[in-house]
Amino acid sequence: MRETPYLRSIPRQLPWVLGLAVVMAVTGPFGLYDSAGLGVRLVYFVATAVLIWLQVLGCTLLLSQVEAFQRWPIVTRMALAGVLAAIPGTAEIVVLHSWLIRPTPLRAALEIYPQTAFLTVAIAVVIGLFIEQRLHADADNERARVAALPAADKPAGAASDFFRRVPPALGRDLLALEMEDHYLRIHTALGSDLILLRLRDALAELGPSRGRQVHRSWWVAEGAVASAERDQRRPMLVLRNGLRVPVSKSFRDQVKQAGWLG
């Protein structure tokens, strides 16, 4: 699984998670102020907060791999991630409570889960909105930076500003573009790298003559396809560098008309 903005945001999020855990340990909610000392509360809330936070990120990453979920609004996706993360989170709370405070029967999980789910959904939505806001700000800054570049920096023959964004080490033999959240992975004959740009903005800059979209998350350049094959009933394009690109049902007819599927 490739790195995503959620993983890259971990260093910024961790201090907030630990800070929230310390505040809860000091205040002692859920009746823990009288039933456990400060040291025990610190261990309990830090362990719980970090585990649930990592599980929210993990569920978010798993959901991001499913194309259908990528169409959902960020709040809905993050809320679902919170609901799913609350399942192992509830089990961990039962275990930690039994170990550090007093024995807790497993059946108590049915009562604990709604409270845990409420908290994890709230945390997940806040994380999602925070990351979304930062990505939009970064994308706006990147667009402003590219717009400010002098026209002389554009490679000869380039029909758009897109190639200003490509790291020089990748060359200009563009093969494919792959969407990763708000980032775009550029695949060339020399390798790949991420840039902060949405796929639809990249396609607008490149224009229709340079290639075609074959999947919600993929665009392939003209002359990049070496062959085609089927993988688990889904057509796949094999590019000149060996990269295998899926063709979704909604784009299949267009790809066939281009002669890429044989």
C-alpha atoms as a PDB file:
ATOM      1  CA  MET A   1       0.000   0.000   0.000  1.00  0.00           C
ATOM      2  CA  ARG A   2       1.506   3.319  -1.032  1.00  0.00           C
ATOM      3  CA  GLU A   3       1.974   6.227   1.281  1.00  0.00           C
ATOM      4  CA  THR A   4      -1.054   8.521   1.428  1.00  0.00           C
ATOM      5  CA  PRO A   5      -1.787  11.926   2.992  1.00  0.00           C
ATOM      6  CA  TYR A   6      -3.168  10.092   6.036  1.00  0.00           C
ATOM      7  CA  LEU A   7       0.168   8.420   6.706  1.00  0.00           C
ATOM      8  CA  ARG A   8       2.100  11.578   5.958  1.00  0.00           C
ATOM      9  CA  SER A   9      -0.018  13.450   8.497  1.00  0.00           C
ATOM     10  CA  ILE A  10       0.874  11.110  11.392  1.00  0.00           C
ATOM     11  CA  PRO A  11       3.705  13.313  12.789  1.00  0.00           C
ATOM     12  CA  ARG A  12       1.323  16.301  12.912  1.00  0.00           C
ATOM     13  CA  GLN A  13      -1.549  14.344  14.433  1.00  0.00           C
ATOM     14  CA  LEU A  14       0.352  12.420  17.114  1.00  0.00           C
ATOM     15  CA  PRO A  15       0.919  15.405  19.492  1.00  0.00           C
ATOM     16  CA  TRP A  16      -2.810  16.183  19.390  1.00  0.00           C
ATOM     17  CA  VAL A  17      -3.713  12.566  20.114  1.00  0.00           C
ATOM     18  CA  LEU A  18      -1.329  12.413  23.053  1.00  0.00           C
ATOM     19  CA  GLY A  19      -2.522  15.798  24.303  1.00  0.00           C
ATOM     20  CA  LEU A  20      -6.145  14.656  24.248  1.00  0.00           C
ATOM     21  CA  ALA A  21      -5.183  11.476  26.095  1.00  0.00           C
ATOM     22  CA  VAL A  22      -3.399  13.470  28.813  1.00  0.00           C
ATOM     23  CA  VAL A  23      -6.404  15.787  29.243  1.00  0.00           C
ATOM     24  CA  MET A  24      -8.716  12.791  29.621  1.00  0.00           C
ATOM     25  CA  ALA A  25      -6.310  11.160  32.070  1.00  0.00           C
ATOM     26  CA  VAL A  26      -6.240  14.300  34.235  1.00  0.00           C
ATOM     27  CA  THR A  27     -10.019  14.856  34.160  1.00  0.00           C
ATOM     28  CA  GLY A  28     -10.846  11.151  34.553  1.00  0.00           C
ATOM     29  CA  PRO A  29     -14.116  10.830  32.578  1.00  0.00           C
ATOM     30  CA  PHE A  30     -16.366   7.730  32.602  1.00  0.00           C
ATOM     31  CA  GLY A  31     -16.055   7.476  36.395  1.00  0.00           C
ATOM     32  CA  LEU A  32     -12.322   6.759  36.322  1.00  0.00           C
ATOM     33  CA  TYR A  33     -11.266   9.767  38.395  1.00  0.00           C
ATOM     34  CA  ASP A  34     -12.271   8.033  41.643  1.00  0.00           C
ATOM     35  CA  SER A  35     -11.546   4.438  40.613  1.00  0.00           C
ATOM     36  CA  ALA A  36      -7.973   4.794  39.296  1.00  0.00           C
ATOM     37  CA  GLY A  37      -4.894   6.846  40.063  1.00  0.00           C
ATOM     38  CA  LEU A  38      -3.376   9.356  37.660  1.00  0.00           C
ATOM     39  CA  GLY A  39      -0.632   6.963  36.520  1.00  0.00           C
ATOM     40  CA  VAL A  40      -3.108   4.229  35.688  1.00  0.00           C
ATOM     41  CA  ARG A  41      -5.366   6.710  33.912  1.00  0.00           C
ATOM     42  CA  LEU A  42      -2.447   7.953  31.830  1.00  0.00           C
ATOM     43  CA  VAL A  43      -1.569   4.442  30.679  1.00  0.00           C
ATOM     44  CA  TYR A  44      -5.222   3.640  30.002  1.00  0.00           C
ATOM     45  CA  PHE A  45      -6.070   6.749  27.985  1.00  0.00           C
ATOM     46  CA  VAL A  46      -2.779   6.993  26.084  1.00  0.00           C
ATOM     47  CA  ALA A  47      -2.974   3.335  25.037  1.00  0.00           C
ATOM     48  CA  THR A  48      -6.651   3.632  24.103  1.00  0.00           C
ATOM     49  CA  ALA A  49      -6.236   6.896  22.187  1.00  0.00           C
ATOM     50  CA  VAL A  50      -3.214   5.742  20.181  1.00  0.00           C
ATOM     51  CA  LEU A  51      -4.717   2.362  19.310  1.00  0.00           C
ATOM     52  CA  ILE A  52      -8.061   3.791  18.207  1.00  0.00           C
ATOM     53  CA  TRP A  53      -6.366   6.592  16.268  1.00  0.00           C
ATOM     54  CA  LEU A  54      -4.176   4.115  14.365  1.00  0.00           C
ATOM     55  CA  GLN A  55      -7.214   1.935  13.685  1.00  0.00           C
ATOM     56  CA  VAL A  56      -9.117   4.912  12.265  1.00  0.00           C
ATOM     57  CA  LEU A  57      -6.191   5.585   9.912  1.00  0.00           C
ATOM     58  CA  GLY A  58      -5.985   1.900   9.006  1.00  0.00           C
ATOM     59  CA  CYS A  59      -9.696   1.682   8.185  1.00  0.00           C
ATOM     60  CA  THR A  60      -9.432   4.878   6.153  1.00  0.00           C
ATOM     61  CA  LEU A  61      -6.568   3.422   4.121  1.00  0.00           C
ATOM     62  CA  LEU A  62      -8.486   0.203   3.475  1.00  0.00           C
ATOM     63  CA  LEU A  63     -11.593   2.090   2.361  1.00  0.00           C
ATOM     64  CA  SER A  64      -9.495   4.274   0.054  1.00  0.00           C
ATOM     65  CA  GLN A  65      -8.539   1.143  -1.905  1.00  0.00           C
ATOM     66  CA  VAL A  66     -12.204   0.536  -2.858  1.00  0.00           C
ATOM     67  CA  GLU A  67     -13.222   2.631  -5.849  1.00  0.00           C
ATOM     68  CA  ALA A  68     -16.883   2.892  -4.793  1.00  0.00           C
ATOM     69  CA  PHE A  69     -15.971   4.473  -1.458  1.00  0.00           C
ATOM     70  CA  GLN A  70     -13.779   7.091  -3.156  1.00  0.00           C
ATOM     71  CA  ARG A  71     -16.942   8.695  -4.560  1.00  0.00           C
ATOM     72  CA  TRP A  72     -18.363   9.300  -1.062  1.00  0.00           C
ATOM     73  CA  PRO A  73     -18.008  12.691   0.649  1.00  0.00           C
ATOM     74  CA  ILE A  74     -15.055  12.883   3.044  1.00  0.00           C
ATOM     75  CA  VAL A  75     -17.325  13.132   6.101  1.00  0.00           C
ATOM     76  CA  THR A  76     -19.231   9.962   5.141  1.00  0.00           C
ATOM     77  CA  ARG A  77     -16.049   7.998   4.419  1.00  0.00           C
ATOM     78  CA  MET A  78     -14.433   9.048   7.679  1.00  0.00           C
ATOM     79  CA  ALA A  79     -17.605   8.312   9.667  1.00  0.00           C
ATOM     80  CA  LEU A  80     -17.635   4.775   8.252  1.00  0.00           C
ATOM     81  CA  ALA A  81     -13.953   4.404   9.135  1.00  0.00           C
ATOM     82  CA  GLY A  82     -14.790   5.481  12.688  1.00  0.00           C
ATOM     83  CA  VAL A  83     -17.639   2.956  12.986  1.00  0.00           C
ATOM     84  CA  LEU A  84     -15.346   0.148  11.801  1.00  0.00           C
ATOM     85  CA  ALA A  85     -12.426   1.247  14.008  1.00  0.00           C
ATOM     86  CA  ALA A  86     -14.722   1.188  17.044  1.00  0.00           C
ATOM     87  CA  ILE A  87     -15.113  -2.598  16.773  1.00  0.00           C
ATOM     88  CA  PRO A  88     -11.513  -3.538  17.702  1.00  0.00           C
ATOM     89  CA  GLY A  89     -11.380  -0.366  19.823  1.00  0.00           C
ATOM     90  CA  THR A  90     -14.183  -1.661  22.038  1.00  0.00           C
ATOM     91  CA  ALA A  91     -12.385  -4.974  22.557  1.00  0.00           C
ATOM     92  CA  GLU A  92      -9.197  -3.126  23.495  1.00  0.00           C
ATOM     93  CA  ILE A  93     -11.066  -0.972  26.005  1.00  0.00           C
ATOM     94  CA  VAL A  94     -12.490  -4.089  27.664  1.00  0.00           C
ATOM     95  CA  VAL A  95      -9.030  -5.667  27.862  1.00  0.00           C
ATOM     96  CA  LEU A  96      -7.325  -2.531  29.188  1.00  0.00           C
ATOM     97  CA  HIS A  97     -10.108  -1.858  31.695  1.00  0.00           C
ATOM     98  CA  SER A  98      -9.901  -5.430  32.991  1.00  0.00           C
ATOM     99  CA  TRP A  99      -6.102  -5.269  33.233  1.00  0.00           C
ATOM    100  CA  LEU A 100      -5.652  -1.814  34.754  1.00  0.00           C
ATOM    101  CA  ILE A 101      -8.823  -1.066  36.689  1.00  0.00           C
ATOM    102  CA  ARG A 102     -11.194  -3.938  37.400  1.00  0.00           C
ATOM    103  CA  PRO A 103     -12.382  -7.116  35.643  1.00  0.00           C
ATOM    104  CA  THR A 104     -14.902  -6.348  32.927  1.00  0.00           C
ATOM    105  CA  PRO A 105     -17.032  -9.097  31.336  1.00  0.00           C
ATOM    106  CA  LEU A 106     -16.912  -9.404  27.577  1.00  0.00           C
ATOM    107  CA  ARG A 107     -20.670  -8.864  27.336  1.00  0.00           C
ATOM    108  CA  ALA A 108     -20.071  -5.285  28.480  1.00  0.00           C
ATOM    109  CA  ALA A 109     -18.730  -4.642  24.975  1.00  0.00           C
ATOM    110  CA  LEU A 110     -22.324  -4.311  23.747  1.00  0.00           C
ATOM    111  CA  GLU A 111     -22.814  -1.348  26.091  1.00  0.00           C
ATOM    112  CA  ILE A 112     -19.372   0.145  25.470  1.00  0.00           C
ATOM    113  CA  TYR A 113     -19.489  -0.010  21.667  1.00  0.00           C
ATOM    114  CA  PRO A 114     -22.040   2.826  21.080  1.00  0.00           C
ATOM    115  CA  GLN A 115     -19.976   5.223  23.216  1.00  0.00           C
ATOM    116  CA  THR A 116     -16.763   4.137  21.524  1.00  0.00           C
ATOM    117  CA  ALA A 117     -18.304   4.448  18.063  1.00  0.00           C
ATOM    118  CA  PHE A 118     -19.522   7.972  18.830  1.00  0.00           C
ATOM    119  CA  LEU A 119     -16.017   9.029  19.856  1.00  0.00           C
ATOM    120  CA  THR A 120     -14.232   7.299  16.972  1.00  0.00           C
ATOM    121  CA  VAL A 121     -16.623   8.772  14.401  1.00  0.00           C
ATOM    122  CA  ALA A 122     -16.063  12.254  15.838  1.00  0.00           C
ATOM    123  CA  ILE A 123     -12.278  11.757  15.838  1.00  0.00           C
ATOM    124  CA  ALA A 124     -12.286  10.296  12.310  1.00  0.00           C
ATOM    125  CA  VAL A 125     -14.348  13.149  10.846  1.00  0.00           C
ATOM    126  CA  VAL A 126     -12.098  15.763  12.484  1.00  0.00           C
ATOM    127  CA  ILE A 127      -9.003  14.007  11.094  1.00  0.00           C
ATOM    128  CA  GLY A 128     -10.531  13.806   7.617  1.00  0.00           C
ATOM    129  CA  LEU A 129     -11.592  17.453   7.537  1.00  0.00           C
ATOM    130  CA  PHE A 130      -8.209  18.577   8.870  1.00  0.00           C
ATOM    131  CA  ILE A 131      -6.326  16.657   6.174  1.00  0.00           C
ATOM    132  CA  GLU A 132      -8.775  17.773   3.476  1.00  0.00           C
ATOM    133  CA  GLN A 133      -8.277  21.423   4.433  1.00  0.00           C
ATOM    134  CA  ARG A 134      -4.498  21.094   4.331  1.00  0.00           C
ATOM    135  CA  LEU A 135      -4.595  19.332   0.959  1.00  0.00           C
ATOM    136  CA  HIS A 136      -6.774  22.049  -0.559  1.00  0.00           C
ATOM    137  CA  ALA A 137      -4.432  24.729   0.791  1.00  0.00           C
ATOM    138  CA  ASP A 138      -1.363  22.900  -0.537  1.00  0.00           C
ATOM    139  CA  ALA A 139      -3.022  22.380  -3.924  1.00  0.00           C
ATOM    140  CA  ASP A 140      -3.886  26.078  -4.169  1.00  0.00           C
ATOM    141  CA  ASN A 141      -0.291  27.000  -3.321  1.00  0.00           C
ATOM    142  CA  GLU A 142       1.020  24.569  -5.945  1.00  0.00           C
ATOM    143  CA  ARG A 143      -1.270  25.958  -8.630  1.00  0.00           C
ATOM    144  CA  ALA A 144      -0.182  29.495  -7.746  1.00  0.00           C
ATOM    145  CA  ARG A 145       3.486  28.463  -7.901  1.00  0.00           C
ATOM    146  CA  VAL A 146       3.099  26.844 -11.330  1.00  0.00           C
ATOM    147  CA  ALA A 147       1.116  29.792 -12.659  1.00  0.00           C
ATOM    148  CA  ALA A 148       3.921  32.121 -11.586  1.00  0.00           C
ATOM    149  CA  LEU A 149       6.613  30.210 -13.485  1.00  0.00           C
ATOM    150  CA  PRO A 150       7.867  31.990 -16.603  1.00  0.00           C
ATOM    151  CA  ALA A 151       6.700  30.588 -19.912  1.00  0.00           C
ATOM    152  CA  ALA A 152      10.301  29.918 -20.892  1.00  0.00           C
ATOM    153  CA  ASP A 153      10.424  27.070 -18.384  1.00  0.00           C
ATOM    154  CA  LYS A 154       7.932  25.049 -20.409  1.00  0.00           C
ATOM    155  CA  PRO A 155       9.584  22.251 -22.479  1.00  0.00           C
ATOM    156  CA  ALA A 156       9.543  22.712 -26.219  1.00  0.00           C
ATOM    157  CA  GLY A 157       6.451  21.188 -27.782  1.00  0.00           C
ATOM    158  CA  ALA A 158       4.546  20.894 -24.506  1.00  0.00           C
ATOM    159  CA  ALA A 159       0.938  21.913 -24.981  1.00  0.00           C
ATOM    160  CA  SER A 160       0.240  22.697 -21.340  1.00  0.00           C
ATOM    161  CA  ASP A 161       1.681  23.594 -17.972  1.00  0.00           C
ATOM    162  CA  PHE A 162       1.645  19.975 -16.868  1.00  0.00           C
ATOM    163  CA  PHE A 163       5.285  19.194 -17.580  1.00  0.00           C
ATOM    164  CA  ARG A 164       6.431  22.040 -15.366  1.00  0.00           C
ATOM    165  CA  ARG A 165       5.339  19.848 -12.473  1.00  0.00           C
ATOM    166  CA  VAL A 166       7.226  16.701 -13.513  1.00  0.00           C
ATOM    167  CA  PRO A 167      10.548  16.184 -11.682  1.00  0.00           C
ATOM    168  CA  PRO A 168      13.378  16.430 -14.249  1.00  0.00           C
ATOM    169  CA  ALA A 169      14.729  13.005 -13.247  1.00  0.00           C
ATOM    170  CA  LEU A 170      11.572  11.376 -14.658  1.00  0.00           C
ATOM    171  CA  GLY A 171      12.142  12.725 -18.150  1.00  0.00           C
ATOM    172  CA  ARG A 172       9.278  13.528 -20.503  1.00  0.00           C
ATOM    173  CA  ASP A 173       8.268  10.058 -21.753  1.00  0.00           C
ATOM    174  CA  LEU A 174       4.921  10.087 -19.949  1.00  0.00           C
ATOM    175  CA  LEU A 175       3.191   6.693 -19.717  1.00  0.00           C
ATOM    176  CA  ALA A 176       0.372   7.019 -17.202  1.00  0.00           C
ATOM    177  CA  LEU A 177      -1.137   9.017 -14.353  1.00  0.00           C
ATOM    178  CA  GLU A 178      -2.549   7.385 -11.226  1.00  0.00           C
ATOM    179  CA  MET A 179      -4.782   9.153  -8.707  1.00  0.00           C
ATOM    180  CA  GLU A 180      -3.925   8.768  -5.016  1.00  0.00           C
ATOM    181  CA  ASP A 181      -6.349  10.861  -2.953  1.00  0.00           C
ATOM    182  CA  HIS A 182      -5.482  14.491  -3.811  1.00  0.00           C
ATOM    183  CA  TYR A 183      -2.081  13.423  -5.122  1.00  0.00           C
ATOM    184  CA  LEU A 184      -1.142  12.211  -8.565  1.00  0.00           C
ATOM    185  CA  ARG A 185       1.479   9.565  -9.265  1.00  0.00           C
ATOM    186  CA  ILE A 186       3.285  10.258 -12.512  1.00  0.00           C
ATOM    187  CA  HIS A 187       4.579   7.166 -14.316  1.00  0.00           C
ATOM    188  CA  THR A 188       7.227   7.675 -16.990  1.00  0.00           C
ATOM    189  CA  ALA A 189       9.694   5.363 -18.709  1.00  0.00           C
ATOM    190  CA  LEU A 190      12.290   6.376 -16.086  1.00  0.00           C
ATOM    191  CA  GLY A 191      10.211   5.834 -12.922  1.00  0.00           C
ATOM    192  CA  SER A 192       7.394   7.388 -10.914  1.00  0.00           C
ATOM    193  CA  ASP A 193       6.812  10.127  -8.371  1.00  0.00           C
ATOM    194  CA  LEU A 194       3.983  11.945  -6.595  1.00  0.00           C
ATOM    195  CA  ILE A 195       2.870  15.505  -7.198  1.00  0.00           C
ATOM    196  CA  LEU A 196       0.108  17.456  -5.503  1.00  0.00           C
ATOM    197  CA  LEU A 197      -2.528  17.700  -8.232  1.00  0.00           C
ATOM    198  CA  ARG A 198      -5.952  16.245  -8.898  1.00  0.00           C
ATOM    199  CA  LEU A 199      -6.346  13.922 -11.867  1.00  0.00           C
ATOM    200  CA  ARG A 200      -9.063  16.030 -13.454  1.00  0.00           C
ATOM    201  CA  ASP A 201      -6.819  19.108 -13.316  1.00  0.00           C
ATOM    202  CA  ALA A 202      -3.964  17.160 -14.913  1.00  0.00           C
ATOM    203  CA  LEU A 203      -6.244  15.970 -17.727  1.00  0.00           C
ATOM    204  CA  ALA A 204      -7.389  19.527 -18.359  1.00  0.00           C
ATOM    205  CA  GLU A 205      -3.753  20.642 -18.649  1.00  0.00           C
ATOM    206  CA  LEU A 206      -2.708  17.752 -20.892  1.00  0.00           C
ATOM    207  CA  GLY A 207      -5.664  17.951 -23.256  1.00  0.00           C
ATOM    208  CA  PRO A 208      -7.494  15.087 -25.026  1.00  0.00           C
ATOM    209  CA  SER A 209      -4.853  14.369 -27.673  1.00  0.00           C
ATOM    210  CA  ARG A 210      -2.141  13.069 -25.348  1.00  0.00           C
ATOM    211  CA  GLY A 211      -4.029  10.022 -24.062  1.00  0.00           C
ATOM    212  CA  ARG A 212      -7.242   8.850 -22.498  1.00  0.00           C
ATOM    213  CA  GLN A 213      -8.739   7.995 -19.131  1.00  0.00           C
ATOM    214  CA  VAL A 214      -9.228   4.239 -18.683  1.00  0.00           C
ATOM    215  CA  HIS A 215     -10.366   4.136 -15.064  1.00  0.00           C
ATOM    216  CA  ARG A 216     -11.616   6.594 -12.462  1.00  0.00           C
ATOM    217  CA  SER A 217      -8.092   6.627 -11.028  1.00  0.00           C
ATOM    218  CA  TRP A 218      -5.995   6.078 -14.169  1.00  0.00           C
ATOM    219  CA  TRP A 219      -5.061   7.900 -17.374  1.00  0.00           C
ATOM    220  CA  VAL A 220      -2.811   6.316 -20.042  1.00  0.00           C
ATOM    221  CA  ALA A 221      -0.754   8.166 -22.637  1.00  0.00           C
ATOM    222  CA  GLU A 222      -0.924   7.490 -26.359  1.00  0.00           C
ATOM    223  CA  GLY A 223       1.770   5.004 -27.383  1.00  0.00           C
ATOM    224  CA  ALA A 224       2.236   3.703 -23.834  1.00  0.00           C
ATOM    225  CA  VAL A 225       0.277   0.434 -24.215  1.00  0.00           C
ATOM    226  CA  ALA A 226       2.326  -2.654 -25.067  1.00  0.00           C
ATOM    227  CA  SER A 227      -0.416  -5.289 -24.713  1.00  0.00           C
ATOM    228  CA  ALA A 228      -3.716  -6.132 -23.031  1.00  0.00           C
ATOM    229  CA  GLU A 229      -4.842  -9.002 -20.822  1.00  0.00           C
ATOM    230  CA  ARG A 230      -7.558 -10.018 -18.378  1.00  0.00           C
ATOM    231  CA  ASP A 231      -7.081 -10.276 -14.632  1.00  0.00           C
ATOM    232  CA  GLN A 232      -9.977 -11.638 -12.546  1.00  0.00           C
ATOM    233  CA  ARG A 233     -12.440 -10.744 -15.325  1.00  0.00           C
ATOM    234  CA  ARG A 234     -11.201  -7.153 -15.545  1.00  0.00           C
ATOM    235  CA  PRO A 235      -9.288  -6.011 -18.643  1.00  0.00           C
ATOM    236  CA  MET A 236      -5.762  -4.814 -17.920  1.00  0.00           C
ATOM    237  CA  LEU A 237      -3.443  -2.711 -20.060  1.00  0.00           C
ATOM    238  CA  VAL A 238       0.238  -3.615 -19.883  1.00  0.00           C
ATOM    239  CA  LEU A 239       2.394  -0.567 -20.513  1.00  0.00           C
ATOM    240  CA  ARG A 240       5.851  -0.407 -22.076  1.00  0.00           C
ATOM    241  CA  ASN A 241       7.498  -0.405 -18.636  1.00  0.00           C
ATOM    242  CA  GLY A 242       5.518  -3.458 -17.467  1.00  0.00           C
ATOM    243  CA  LEU A 243       3.022  -1.454 -15.399  1.00  0.00           C
ATOM    244  CA  ARG A 244      -0.436  -3.058 -15.393  1.00  0.00           C
ATOM    245  CA  VAL A 245      -3.362  -0.635 -15.499  1.00  0.00           C
ATOM    246  CA  PRO A 246      -7.003  -1.684 -14.870  1.00  0.00           C
ATOM    247  CA  VAL A 247      -9.747  -0.704 -17.297  1.00  0.00           C
ATOM    248  CA  SER A 248     -13.065  -0.027 -15.593  1.00  0.00           C
ATOM    249  CA  LYS A 249     -16.424  -0.883 -17.123  1.00  0.00           C
ATOM    250  CA  SER A 250     -17.413   2.751 -17.631  1.00  0.00           C
ATOM    251  CA  PHE A 251     -14.362   3.417 -19.834  1.00  0.00           C
ATOM    252  CA  ARG A 252     -14.137   0.017 -21.568  1.00  0.00           C
ATOM    253  CA  ASP A 253     -15.928   0.986 -24.790  1.00  0.00           C
ATOM    254  CA  GLN A 254     -13.713   4.036 -25.292  1.00  0.00           C
ATOM    255  CA  VAL A 255     -10.592   1.946 -24.742  1.00  0.00           C
ATOM    256  CA  LYS A 256     -11.813  -0.663 -27.240  1.00  0.00           C
ATOM    257  CA  GLN A 257     -12.507   2.020 -29.829  1.00  0.00           C
ATOM    258  CA  ALA A 258      -8.939   3.223 -29.420  1.00  0.00           C
ATOM    259  CA  GLY A 259      -7.757  -0.307 -30.230  1.00  0.00           C
ATOM    260  CA  TRP A 260      -5.945  -0.724 -26.921  1.00  0.00           C
ATOM    261  CA  LEU A 261      -7.825  -3.905 -25.952  1.00  0.00           C
ATOM    262  CA  GLY A 262      -7.224  -5.671 -29.270  1.00  0.00           C
END
